[in-house]
């Protein structure tokens, strides 16, 4: 398991459309929600060390079968543990020390009973055999499930996407973000003539003499459950290198030339992200782009790519400014998740903004590296047209509830606002890189993020984070004029909110620090003489 960093102990359609976000809801949770989202002794008494997943996929029957050989460390004496597997899937047997264990099922939870109490601080192995027809996604990646499709030559093309829905949709695991295996092996048997591509490094293939070939992969770094993946298709392999990194691309055979040209963008992207966020966090496992029958997903070291080898987001510019058509959205966004989401992971799905806000901001970081800050600000400003401001970015804890889709571009504009508050780009880039490196391969929560930014900057940033993350409304700057003087105050949901910002008066920038009380501004001008650069701050002005 990644080291979990806690500051506190925490007991619709997405904006970008490339990751799954469940509808934000408060209350009306079911027991199934709690079984999936909460941490109880049946889950916290053990730490997953390794998944050794062996699965056979029959595309024609849309059927899978296999075993997950799970190595875990018992942390405290326990006789009952919880693993997870969707209730439509069959549990064939659960074996411990060559004997089948008794178990009970409740919704998607599987409670395993051992014949005797397990000693704490001891490693054990469980073989969890299963089979069935997994849920098929109706519109991947927006809903979770398998994708059983055909390429244009009529050959099977299979993948799966389960962010938010849960990896237990297709294989048994401890389906909670707070626990990741330290390593994983993925062995997928696919029909002869097809290739399987999974996470990590390719370790070999084996003919099974039953019309199937097993393709084996090994991951040496911690990996969250929804990132473990299989991709089956008529793939060709393109290999390249950059810096210290192996670049591997797997695309359908007839798209090789398109891929070679389009994926050249990976190199300037890596140059940018290495500079701003630090070295690629999974060098041991290589970097891969894998063509998929859906738009994209941040599968660690096997990033799903389905953008049609063209710039923009399916050929469109999410910002409406033209800047988004200069680069391939899926390559950049999903690869940025390697730093934010895959390396740095949220401890609860309610804090998924840690994945999506920083990654969405990384889009503008890439734009700034390639085309300058003005284009980056133009892009971020244009993205505001997709923000709803109808519900909080942070979801409800312990019930597997993500917050609103505003975690993408409201979150990105929040980070740009904080950059403007810091008002020192050299410090900002150092801060962002320090954050990425400090929590590399770790699991964190919202208070940890806020505490880090406050400690490093010595600035009072928690009210700013709280307003953007915990409430739907934007900070509202209220202005009034009395006797040729301008007065300002903040109207917010957060008590004692204060956020400095820069006014432009007579062509000069003046730093002011409004509070929630009316405050006279340090200049004698009328309102029409005062300007605020709203590309720097995502606020309402009244």
Protein backbone atom coordinates (compact mmCIF):
# COMPACT_ATOMS: atom_id res chain seq x y z
CA UNK A 1 0.00 0.00 0.00
CA UNK A 2 1.18 3.53 -0.68
CA UNK A 3 1.93 5.46 2.45
CA UNK A 4 -1.32 7.26 3.30
CA UNK A 5 -0.83 10.88 4.33
CA UNK A 6 -3.66 12.21 6.46
CA UNK A 7 -3.85 15.67 7.98
CA UNK A 8 -7.13 14.58 9.55
CA UNK A 9 -8.44 11.03 9.83
CA UNK A 10 -11.39 10.85 7.52
CA UNK A 11 -13.84 8.25 8.48
CA UNK A 12 -23.93 14.08 -15.09
CA UNK A 13 -21.69 14.34 -17.59
CA UNK A 14 -18.17 15.39 -16.91
CA UNK A 15 -16.76 18.71 -17.99
CA UNK A 16 -14.03 17.09 -20.01
CA UNK A 17 -15.88 13.94 -20.85
CA UNK A 18 -12.84 11.68 -20.65
CA UNK A 19 -13.21 10.42 -17.08
CA UNK A 20 -16.18 9.22 -15.14
CA UNK A 21 -17.78 11.46 -12.53
CA UNK A 22 -20.77 10.27 -10.60
CA UNK A 23 -23.54 12.71 -9.83
CA UNK A 24 -22.92 14.56 -6.60
CA UNK A 25 -25.53 13.69 -4.03
CA UNK A 26 -26.01 14.42 -0.36
CA UNK A 27 -27.97 12.01 1.79
CA UNK A 28 -30.09 9.12 0.51
CA UNK A 29 -27.11 6.78 0.56
CA UNK A 30 -27.66 3.05 0.68
CA UNK A 31 -25.90 0.32 2.59
CA UNK A 32 -24.28 -0.66 -0.70
CA UNK A 33 -22.74 2.83 -0.87
CA UNK A 34 -21.34 2.46 2.64
CA UNK A 35 -20.00 -1.04 2.01
CA UNK A 36 -18.13 0.28 -1.01
CA UNK A 37 -17.03 3.65 0.31
CA UNK A 38 -16.33 3.25 4.03
CA UNK A 39 -13.34 1.94 5.93
CA UNK A 40 -14.26 -0.57 8.63
CA UNK A 41 -12.14 -3.21 10.42
CA UNK A 42 -12.90 -5.79 7.71
CA UNK A 43 -10.96 -3.50 5.37
CA UNK A 44 -8.49 -1.67 7.57
CA UNK A 45 -7.16 -4.81 9.27
CA UNK A 46 -5.14 -5.67 6.18
CA UNK A 47 -2.94 -4.05 3.58
CA UNK A 48 -2.82 -5.32 -0.01
CA UNK A 49 0.76 -5.99 -1.13
CA UNK A 50 0.30 -7.58 -4.56
CA UNK A 51 -2.30 -8.59 -7.12
CA UNK A 52 -1.40 -11.44 -9.46
CA UNK A 53 -4.34 -11.35 -11.84
CA UNK A 54 -4.89 -14.15 -14.34
CA UNK A 55 -7.92 -13.80 -16.59
CA UNK A 56 -9.19 -15.36 -19.81
CA UNK A 57 -11.39 -13.26 -22.09
CA UNK A 58 -13.87 -14.74 -24.57
CA UNK A 59 -14.91 -11.79 -26.77
CA UNK A 60 -17.59 -13.76 -28.62
CA UNK A 61 -19.43 -14.76 -25.45
CA UNK A 62 -18.44 -11.58 -23.60
CA UNK A 63 -17.30 -13.84 -20.79
CA UNK A 64 -14.29 -13.71 -18.49
CA UNK A 65 -12.89 -16.17 -15.96
CA UNK A 66 -9.83 -16.22 -13.81
CA UNK A 67 -8.18 -15.85 -10.45
CA UNK A 68 -6.67 -13.00 -8.51
CA UNK A 69 -3.83 -14.30 -6.34
CA UNK A 70 -3.74 -11.69 -3.61
CA UNK A 71 -0.84 -11.18 -1.23
CA UNK A 72 -1.83 -9.17 1.80
CA UNK A 73 -0.42 -8.21 5.16
CA UNK A 74 -2.65 -8.70 8.17
CA UNK A 75 -2.19 -5.56 10.27
CA UNK A 76 -4.31 -6.57 13.26
CA UNK A 77 -5.65 -9.94 14.38
CA UNK A 78 -8.74 -10.69 12.28
CA UNK A 79 -10.96 -13.59 11.30
CA UNK A 80 -13.11 -11.84 8.69
CA UNK A 81 -11.98 -9.67 5.76
CA UNK A 82 -13.84 -7.83 3.02
CA UNK A 83 -12.96 -7.96 -0.65
CA UNK A 84 -15.16 -6.71 -3.48
CA UNK A 85 -16.64 -8.20 -6.63
CA UNK A 86 -19.79 -7.03 -8.41
CA UNK A 87 -22.76 -9.16 -7.47
CA UNK A 88 -23.47 -10.19 -11.08
CA UNK A 89 -20.10 -11.99 -11.16
CA UNK A 90 -19.77 -15.51 -9.80
CA UNK A 91 -17.44 -16.39 -6.95
CA UNK A 92 -16.12 -19.82 -7.95
CA UNK A 93 -14.00 -20.34 -4.83
CA UNK A 94 -11.70 -18.54 -2.42
CA UNK A 95 -8.69 -20.65 -1.43
CA UNK A 96 -6.35 -20.22 1.53
CA UNK A 97 -3.66 -22.79 2.30
CA UNK A 98 -5.20 -25.21 -0.22
CA UNK A 99 -8.62 -25.08 1.44
CA UNK A 100 -11.75 -23.30 0.32
CA UNK A 101 -12.94 -20.55 2.62
CA UNK A 102 -16.50 -19.76 3.58
CA UNK A 103 -17.84 -16.40 2.49
CA UNK A 104 -21.01 -14.34 2.40
CA UNK A 105 -22.01 -11.70 -0.14
CA UNK A 106 -23.83 -8.44 0.41
CA UNK A 107 -24.32 -6.28 -2.65
CA UNK A 108 -20.84 -6.02 -4.20
CA UNK A 109 -18.98 -6.88 -0.98
CA UNK A 110 -17.59 -10.33 -0.29
CA UNK A 111 -16.97 -11.14 3.40
CA UNK A 112 -14.43 -13.92 3.80
CA UNK A 113 -14.36 -15.99 6.98
CA UNK A 114 -11.20 -17.77 8.06
CA UNK A 115 -11.27 -20.96 10.16
CA UNK A 116 -9.07 -19.34 12.79
CA UNK A 117 -7.99 -15.81 13.75
CA UNK A 118 -5.19 -14.45 11.57
CA UNK A 119 -2.18 -13.13 13.42
CA UNK A 120 -1.28 -9.48 13.00
CA UNK A 121 1.88 -8.37 11.19
CA UNK A 122 1.83 -11.44 8.97
CA UNK A 123 1.64 -11.90 5.19
CA UNK A 124 -0.85 -14.36 3.72
CA UNK A 125 -1.98 -15.40 0.23
CA UNK A 126 -5.56 -15.79 -0.98
CA UNK A 127 -6.56 -17.16 -4.39
CA UNK A 128 -9.91 -15.70 -5.44
CA UNK A 129 -11.42 -17.60 -8.41
CA UNK A 130 -14.29 -15.98 -10.29
CA UNK A 131 -16.13 -15.87 -13.62
CA UNK A 132 -19.07 -14.32 -15.43
CA UNK A 133 -20.32 -11.85 -17.98
CA UNK A 134 -19.11 -8.46 -16.75
CA UNK A 135 -21.22 -5.34 -17.15
CA UNK A 136 -20.86 -3.89 -20.62
CA UNK A 137 -20.47 -0.10 -20.79
CA UNK A 138 -23.18 1.64 -22.75
CA UNK A 139 -21.07 4.74 -23.35
CA UNK A 140 -17.51 4.28 -22.13
CA UNK A 141 -15.71 5.95 -20.50
CA UNK A 142 -18.64 7.90 -19.04
CA UNK A 143 -20.16 4.74 -17.62
CA UNK A 144 -18.12 1.85 -16.34
CA UNK A 145 -17.80 -1.53 -17.94
CA UNK A 146 -16.30 -3.69 -20.65
CA UNK A 147 -16.16 -2.65 -24.27
CA UNK A 148 -16.54 -5.60 -26.65
CA UNK A 149 -16.20 -4.10 -30.11
CA UNK A 150 -14.72 -4.76 -33.54
CA UNK A 151 -12.08 -2.85 -35.46
CA UNK A 152 -12.75 -1.83 -39.05
CA UNK A 153 -11.32 -5.16 -40.25
CA UNK A 154 -13.90 -7.01 -38.17
CA UNK A 155 -11.40 -8.25 -35.58
CA UNK A 156 -12.31 -8.23 -31.86
CA UNK A 157 -11.25 -5.12 -29.97
CA UNK A 158 -11.79 -5.30 -26.23
CA UNK A 159 -11.07 -3.00 -23.31
CA UNK A 160 -12.53 -1.90 -19.99
CA UNK A 161 -12.96 1.43 -18.17
CA UNK A 162 -14.13 1.54 -14.55
CA UNK A 163 -13.07 4.81 -12.91
CA UNK A 164 -15.71 5.72 -10.35
CA UNK A 165 -17.72 2.58 -11.05
CA UNK A 166 -15.05 0.38 -9.49
CA UNK A 167 -12.49 -2.20 -10.57
CA UNK A 168 -14.49 -4.89 -8.75
CA UNK A 169 -16.78 -4.72 -11.78
CA UNK A 170 -14.39 -7.18 -13.46
CA UNK A 171 -11.92 -8.58 -10.94
CA UNK A 172 -11.91 -9.18 -7.15
CA UNK A 173 -9.95 -6.67 -5.11
CA UNK A 174 -10.07 -4.32 -2.17
CA UNK A 175 -11.96 -1.65 -4.06
CA UNK A 176 -11.04 1.50 -2.17
CA UNK A 177 -8.61 4.24 -3.18
CA UNK A 178 -6.86 4.19 0.20
CA UNK A 179 -5.11 0.87 -0.48
CA UNK A 180 -2.97 0.09 -3.50
CA UNK A 181 -0.86 -2.98 -4.13
CA UNK A 182 2.86 -2.29 -4.13
CA UNK A 183 3.15 -4.29 -7.34
CA UNK A 184 0.99 -6.23 -9.76
CA UNK A 185 1.16 -8.91 -12.40
CA UNK A 186 -1.47 -9.08 -15.13
CA UNK A 187 -1.74 -12.24 -17.25
CA UNK A 188 -4.47 -12.08 -19.91
CA UNK A 189 -5.40 -14.96 -22.21
CA UNK A 190 -6.72 -13.63 -25.52
CA UNK A 191 -7.77 -15.46 -28.70
CA UNK A 192 -4.85 -16.37 -30.93
CA UNK A 193 -3.97 -13.66 -33.43
CA UNK A 194 -4.78 -10.87 -30.98
CA UNK A 195 -2.51 -9.10 -28.51
CA UNK A 196 -3.22 -8.01 -24.95
CA UNK A 197 -1.62 -4.86 -23.58
CA UNK A 198 -1.72 -4.17 -19.84
CA UNK A 199 0.15 -2.02 -17.34
CA UNK A 200 3.88 -2.12 -16.74
CA UNK A 201 6.48 -4.07 -18.68
CA UNK A 202 5.79 -6.93 -21.05
CA UNK A 203 7.25 -10.12 -19.57
CA UNK A 204 6.33 -12.65 -22.23
CA UNK A 205 3.59 -14.62 -23.98
CA UNK A 206 2.64 -18.29 -23.87
CA UNK A 207 0.57 -20.43 -26.22
CA UNK A 208 -2.11 -22.21 -24.22
CA UNK A 209 -2.97 -24.80 -26.90
CA UNK A 210 -6.68 -24.06 -26.63
CA UNK A 211 -6.93 -21.29 -29.19
CA UNK A 212 -5.67 -18.70 -26.71
CA UNK A 213 -2.37 -16.95 -26.00
CA UNK A 214 -1.50 -15.57 -22.57
CA UNK A 215 0.14 -12.15 -22.49
CA UNK A 216 1.98 -11.26 -19.28
CA UNK A 217 2.83 -7.86 -17.79
CA UNK A 218 4.43 -6.72 -14.54
CA UNK A 219 3.99 -3.45 -12.61
CA UNK A 220 6.73 -2.54 -10.15
CA UNK A 221 5.09 0.54 -8.65
CA UNK A 222 1.98 1.06 -6.52
CA UNK A 223 -1.12 1.21 -8.71
CA UNK A 224 -4.71 2.05 -7.89
CA UNK A 225 -7.35 -0.54 -8.71
CA UNK A 226 -9.19 1.24 -11.50
CA UNK A 227 -5.94 1.72 -13.39
CA UNK A 228 -5.29 -2.01 -13.79
CA UNK A 229 -6.31 -2.71 -17.35
CA UNK A 230 -6.52 -5.09 -20.27
CA UNK A 231 -6.64 -4.11 -23.94
CA UNK A 232 -7.11 -6.81 -26.57
CA UNK A 233 -6.81 -6.10 -30.27
CA UNK A 234 -4.88 -6.41 -33.50
CA UNK A 235 -2.10 -4.22 -32.16
CA UNK A 236 1.30 -3.27 -33.51
CA UNK A 237 4.06 -2.01 -31.24
CA UNK A 238 6.00 1.22 -31.80
CA UNK A 239 9.00 1.81 -29.53
CA UNK A 240 10.85 5.07 -28.87
CA UNK A 241 12.85 6.65 -26.05
CA UNK A 242 13.12 10.13 -24.53
CA UNK A 243 15.33 11.19 -21.65
CA UNK A 244 15.50 8.14 -19.35
CA UNK A 245 12.11 6.89 -20.44
CA UNK A 246 10.90 4.10 -22.71
CA UNK A 247 8.00 5.24 -24.87
CA UNK A 248 5.81 2.41 -26.14
CA UNK A 249 2.78 2.83 -28.35
CA UNK A 250 0.27 0.10 -29.18
CA UNK A 251 -2.17 0.92 -31.96
CA UNK A 252 -4.34 -0.99 -34.38
CA UNK A 253 -2.24 -2.28 -37.24
CA UNK A 254 -3.77 0.02 -39.86
CA UNK A 255 -3.13 3.16 -37.75
CA UNK A 256 0.63 2.80 -37.34
CA UNK A 257 1.67 5.70 -39.57
CA UNK A 258 -0.91 8.07 -38.07
CA UNK A 259 0.29 7.15 -34.60
CA UNK A 260 3.95 7.67 -35.39
CA UNK A 261 3.19 11.22 -36.48
CA UNK A 262 0.64 12.15 -33.78
CA UNK A 263 2.57 10.72 -30.85
CA UNK A 264 5.62 12.87 -31.57
CA UNK A 265 3.87 15.32 -29.25
CA UNK A 266 4.75 13.05 -26.31
CA UNK A 267 8.34 14.33 -26.30
CA UNK A 268 7.63 18.07 -25.84
CA UNK A 269 4.94 17.09 -23.34
CA UNK A 270 7.47 15.12 -21.31
CA UNK A 271 9.95 18.01 -21.49
CA UNK A 272 7.29 20.31 -20.06
CA UNK A 273 6.04 18.00 -17.34
CA UNK A 274 9.55 16.96 -16.28
CA UNK A 275 10.36 20.64 -15.81
CA UNK A 276 7.16 21.62 -14.02
CA UNK A 277 6.25 18.44 -12.08
CA UNK A 278 9.42 16.38 -11.88
CA UNK A 279 10.51 13.22 -13.66
CA UNK A 280 7.96 10.72 -14.92
CA UNK A 281 6.92 8.85 -11.76
CA UNK A 282 6.83 5.32 -13.22
CA UNK A 283 10.06 5.01 -15.19
CA UNK A 284 10.44 1.38 -14.09
CA UNK A 285 7.13 0.53 -15.76
CA UNK A 286 7.65 2.62 -18.93
CA UNK A 287 5.21 5.05 -20.53
CA UNK A 288 2.62 3.69 -22.95
CA UNK A 289 -0.20 4.98 -25.10
CA UNK A 290 -2.66 2.26 -26.08
CA UNK A 291 -5.32 2.81 -28.72
CA UNK A 292 -8.76 2.01 -27.29
CA UNK A 293 -12.35 1.84 -28.57
CA UNK A 294 -13.31 4.71 -26.25
CA UNK A 295 -12.00 8.24 -25.86
CA UNK A 296 -9.43 7.87 -23.11
CA UNK A 297 -8.50 7.09 -19.52
CA UNK A 298 -5.46 7.55 -17.30
CA UNK A 299 -4.54 3.89 -16.89
CA UNK A 300 -1.15 3.96 -15.23
CA UNK A 301 1.74 3.20 -17.61
CA UNK A 302 -0.85 2.16 -20.23
CA UNK A 303 -2.75 5.36 -20.98
CA UNK A 304 -5.90 4.74 -23.00
CA UNK A 305 -5.99 6.78 -26.22
CA UNK A 306 -9.03 7.04 -28.50
CA UNK A 307 -8.85 10.58 -29.87
CA UNK A 308 -8.56 9.59 -33.52
CA UNK A 309 -4.99 10.87 -33.98
CA UNK A 310 -6.07 14.49 -34.22
CA UNK A 311 -5.74 17.61 -32.14
CA UNK A 312 -8.32 19.00 -29.76
CA UNK A 313 -10.90 16.95 -27.92
CA UNK A 314 -12.40 14.69 -30.58
CA UNK A 315 -11.50 17.48 -32.99
CA UNK A 316 -13.13 20.19 -30.86
CA UNK A 317 -11.74 22.92 -28.62
CA UNK A 318 -13.23 22.73 -25.14
CA UNK A 319 -12.19 26.33 -24.49
CA UNK A 320 -13.76 27.76 -27.65
CA UNK A 321 -10.67 29.94 -28.07
CA UNK A 322 -8.71 28.06 -30.72
CA UNK A 323 -5.90 27.31 -28.27
CA UNK A 324 -7.25 23.83 -27.60
CA UNK A 325 -6.79 22.86 -31.25
CA UNK A 326 -3.03 23.25 -31.08
CA UNK A 327 -2.53 19.96 -29.24
CA UNK A 328 -3.98 16.50 -28.67
CA UNK A 329 -6.20 16.75 -25.60
CA UNK A 330 -6.26 13.05 -24.70
CA UNK A 331 -2.50 12.61 -24.92
CA UNK A 332 -1.85 15.62 -22.71
CA UNK A 333 -4.64 15.32 -20.15
CA UNK A 334 -4.52 11.57 -19.56
CA UNK A 335 -0.73 11.56 -19.43
CA UNK A 336 -0.72 14.37 -16.86
CA UNK A 337 -2.70 12.01 -14.63
CA UNK A 338 0.47 9.97 -14.26
CA UNK A 339 1.60 12.71 -11.88
CA UNK A 340 -1.80 13.68 -10.45
CA UNK A 341 -4.10 10.75 -9.79
CA UNK A 342 -1.72 7.86 -10.40
CA UNK A 343 1.37 9.00 -8.51
CA UNK A 344 -0.52 11.27 -6.09
CA UNK A 345 -3.82 9.56 -5.25
CA UNK A 346 -6.79 10.72 -3.18
CA UNK A 347 -7.62 8.61 -0.12
CA UNK A 348 -11.37 8.90 -0.70
CA UNK A 349 -13.22 9.31 -3.98
CA UNK A 350 -14.84 12.45 -2.51
CA UNK A 351 -11.43 14.10 -2.94
CA UNK A 352 -11.15 13.21 -6.61
CA UNK A 353 -10.50 16.90 -7.28
CA UNK A 354 -6.89 16.17 -6.31
CA UNK A 355 -6.72 14.05 -9.46
CA UNK A 356 -8.78 16.18 -11.80
CA UNK A 357 -8.13 19.80 -10.81
CA UNK A 358 -4.35 19.49 -10.96
CA UNK A 359 -4.53 17.45 -14.17
CA UNK A 360 -6.87 19.94 -15.82
CA UNK A 361 -4.56 22.73 -14.76
CA UNK A 362 -1.72 20.74 -16.33
CA UNK A 363 -3.40 21.28 -19.70
CA UNK A 364 -2.71 25.00 -19.37
CA UNK A 365 0.78 24.25 -18.07
CA UNK A 366 1.50 22.42 -21.31
CA UNK A 367 0.07 25.31 -23.32
CA UNK A 368 2.29 27.73 -21.42
CA UNK A 369 5.39 25.61 -22.05
CA UNK A 370 4.71 25.51 -25.78
CA UNK A 371 3.01 28.81 -26.61
CA UNK A 372 3.38 31.13 -23.62
CA UNK A 373 1.42 32.37 -20.63
CA UNK A 374 -1.03 34.51 -22.58
CA UNK A 375 -2.30 31.48 -24.50
CA UNK A 376 -2.48 29.51 -21.25
CA UNK A 377 -4.62 32.20 -19.60
CA UNK A 378 -6.79 32.45 -22.71
CA UNK A 379 -7.36 28.70 -22.61
CA UNK A 380 -8.23 28.65 -18.90
CA UNK A 381 -10.59 31.60 -19.28
CA UNK A 382 -12.35 29.92 -22.19
CA UNK A 383 -12.89 26.75 -20.17
CA UNK A 384 -15.09 28.67 -17.73
CA UNK A 385 -18.00 28.32 -20.11
CA UNK A 386 -18.16 24.65 -19.07
CA UNK A 387 -18.36 25.31 -15.33
CA UNK A 388 -21.72 24.88 -13.64
CA UNK A 389 -21.20 26.24 -10.08
CA UNK A 390 -24.26 24.23 -9.03
CA UNK A 391 -22.78 21.86 -6.43
CA UNK A 392 -19.53 21.50 -4.48
CA UNK A 393 -16.37 20.05 -5.96
CA UNK A 394 -15.83 17.81 -2.93
CA UNK A 395 -18.22 14.89 -2.53
CA UNK A 396 -19.42 13.08 0.59
CA UNK A 397 -16.89 10.95 2.42
CA UNK A 398 -17.21 7.26 3.15
CA UNK A 399 -19.98 6.47 0.65
CA UNK A 400 -18.09 6.34 -2.66
CA UNK A 401 -19.43 9.75 -3.73
CA UNK A 402 -17.55 11.99 -6.11
CA UNK A 403 -18.20 15.69 -6.17
CA UNK A 404 -19.37 17.66 -9.18
CA UNK A 405 -17.76 17.77 -12.60
CA UNK A 406 -16.56 21.27 -11.66
CA UNK A 407 -13.56 19.45 -10.19
CA UNK A 408 -12.06 19.76 -13.67
CA UNK A 409 -12.14 23.36 -14.83
CA UNK A 410 -13.37 25.19 -11.77
CA UNK A 411 -10.56 23.40 -9.97
CA UNK A 412 -8.06 24.40 -12.66
CA UNK A 413 -9.18 28.04 -12.48
CA UNK A 414 -8.96 27.88 -8.68
CA UNK A 415 -5.31 26.86 -8.97
CA UNK A 416 -4.68 29.67 -11.45
CA UNK A 417 -6.32 32.07 -8.98
CA UNK A 418 -4.00 30.85 -6.22
CA UNK A 419 -1.07 31.38 -8.57
CA UNK A 420 -2.24 34.99 -8.98
CA UNK A 421 -2.58 35.38 -5.20
CA UNK A 422 1.01 34.17 -4.75
CA UNK A 423 1.99 36.62 -7.52
CA UNK A 424 5.46 35.18 -8.06
CA UNK A 425 5.77 32.72 -10.93
CA UNK A 426 9.18 31.47 -9.85
CA UNK A 427 7.74 30.55 -6.45
CA UNK A 428 4.63 29.08 -8.07
CA UNK A 429 6.50 26.65 -10.30
CA UNK A 430 8.78 25.64 -7.44
CA UNK A 431 5.71 25.07 -5.27
CA UNK A 432 3.93 22.92 -7.86
CA UNK A 433 7.00 20.78 -8.49
CA UNK A 434 7.66 20.44 -4.77
CA UNK A 435 4.07 19.28 -4.26
CA UNK A 436 4.41 16.65 -7.00
CA UNK A 437 7.69 15.32 -5.63
CA UNK A 438 6.79 15.49 -1.95
CA UNK A 439 3.75 13.25 -2.37
CA UNK A 440 5.07 11.04 -5.16
CA UNK A 441 3.55 7.54 -4.87
CA UNK A 442 1.49 8.58 -1.86
CA UNK A 443 -2.18 8.73 -0.92
CA UNK A 444 -3.39 12.04 0.48
CA UNK A 445 -6.52 14.02 1.34
CA UNK A 446 -7.74 17.59 0.98
CA UNK A 447 -6.41 18.89 4.33
CA UNK A 448 -2.97 17.56 3.40
CA UNK A 449 -2.99 19.54 0.15
CA UNK A 450 -4.14 22.75 1.83
CA UNK A 451 -1.69 22.38 4.68
CA UNK A 452 1.17 21.87 2.21
CA UNK A 453 0.33 24.99 0.19
CA UNK A 454 -0.09 27.11 3.32
CA UNK A 455 3.14 25.94 4.92
CA UNK A 456 5.21 26.40 1.79
CA UNK A 457 3.81 29.84 0.95
CA UNK A 458 3.21 31.14 4.49
CA UNK A 459 -0.05 32.49 3.08
CA UNK A 460 -3.57 32.13 4.46
CA UNK A 461 -4.95 29.97 1.66
CA UNK A 462 -7.38 27.66 3.46
CA UNK A 463 -10.40 30.01 3.13
CA UNK A 464 -9.74 30.21 -0.61
CA UNK A 465 -9.52 26.44 -1.04
CA UNK A 466 -12.60 25.98 1.15
CA UNK A 467 -14.78 28.38 -0.82
CA UNK A 468 -13.94 26.86 -4.19
CA UNK A 469 -14.00 23.22 -3.08
CA UNK A 470 -16.77 23.00 -0.47
CA UNK A 471 -19.35 25.45 -1.84
CA UNK A 472 -21.00 25.87 -5.19
CA UNK A 473 -20.83 29.67 -5.35
CA UNK A 474 -17.81 31.64 -6.47
CA UNK A 475 -16.28 34.29 -4.22
CA UNK A 476 -18.17 37.48 -5.00
CA UNK A 477 -16.27 40.76 -4.91
CA UNK A 478 -18.72 43.53 -4.10
CA UNK A 479 -17.74 47.08 -4.97
CA UNK A 480 -19.37 50.39 -4.21
CA UNK A 481 -18.47 54.04 -4.61
CA UNK A 482 -18.99 56.73 -1.97
CA UNK A 483 -17.63 60.25 -2.15
CA UNK A 484 -15.20 59.44 -4.97
CA UNK A 485 -13.80 56.50 -3.00
CA UNK A 486 -14.09 52.81 -3.85
CA UNK A 487 -15.04 50.32 -1.17
CA UNK A 488 -14.77 46.54 -1.52
CA UNK A 489 -15.71 43.41 0.37
CA UNK A 490 -16.01 39.69 -0.25
CA UNK A 491 -19.34 37.89 -0.08
CA UNK A 492 -18.68 34.19 0.51
CA UNK A 493 -19.92 31.12 2.34
CA UNK A 494 -16.64 30.90 4.25
CA UNK A 495 -16.38 33.03 7.35
CA UNK A 496 -13.55 35.56 7.53
CA UNK A 497 -12.69 35.05 3.86
CA UNK A 498 -9.85 37.19 2.61
CA UNK A 499 -8.10 36.96 -0.71
CA UNK A 500 -5.71 39.59 -2.00
CA UNK A 501 -5.99 40.66 -5.61
CA UNK A 502 -4.59 43.31 -7.91
CA UNK A 503 -6.55 46.30 -9.17
CA UNK A 504 -5.32 48.28 -12.15
CA UNK A 505 -5.63 52.03 -11.60
CA UNK A 506 -4.22 54.55 -14.08
CA UNK A 507 -2.26 51.76 -15.75
CA UNK A 508 -0.61 50.70 -12.50
CA UNK A 509 -1.28 47.54 -10.50
CA UNK A 510 -2.24 48.05 -6.87
CA UNK A 511 -2.41 45.11 -4.47
CA UNK A 512 -5.49 45.22 -2.24
CA UNK A 513 -6.76 42.82 0.39
CA UNK A 514 -10.53 42.95 0.77
CA UNK A 515 -12.20 41.09 3.63
CA UNK A 516 -15.84 40.25 4.35
CA UNK A 517 -16.29 43.76 5.78
CA UNK A 518 -16.49 46.90 3.65
CA UNK A 519 -13.02 48.29 3.27
CA UNK A 520 -11.90 51.58 1.72
CA UNK A 521 -9.43 51.06 -1.11
CA UNK A 522 -6.08 52.89 -0.99
CA UNK A 523 -6.77 55.20 -3.93
CA UNK A 524 -9.15 58.03 -4.71
CA UNK A 525 -10.89 57.01 -7.92
CA UNK A 526 -14.33 56.19 -9.21
CA UNK A 527 -15.44 52.65 -10.01
CA UNK A 528 -15.11 53.23 -13.74
CA UNK A 529 -11.38 53.93 -13.26
CA UNK A 530 -10.74 50.57 -11.55
CA UNK A 531 -10.12 47.39 -13.49
CA UNK A 532 -9.55 43.76 -12.50
CA UNK A 533 -7.91 41.23 -14.80
CA UNK A 534 -10.48 38.45 -14.57
CA UNK A 535 -8.22 36.06 -16.46
CA UNK A 536 -6.08 35.97 -13.31
CA UNK A 537 -8.94 35.48 -10.85
CA UNK A 538 -12.00 33.29 -11.14
CA UNK A 539 -14.49 35.40 -9.19
CA UNK A 540 -17.78 37.22 -9.53
CA UNK A 541 -17.71 41.00 -9.46
CA UNK A 542 -20.78 42.95 -8.42
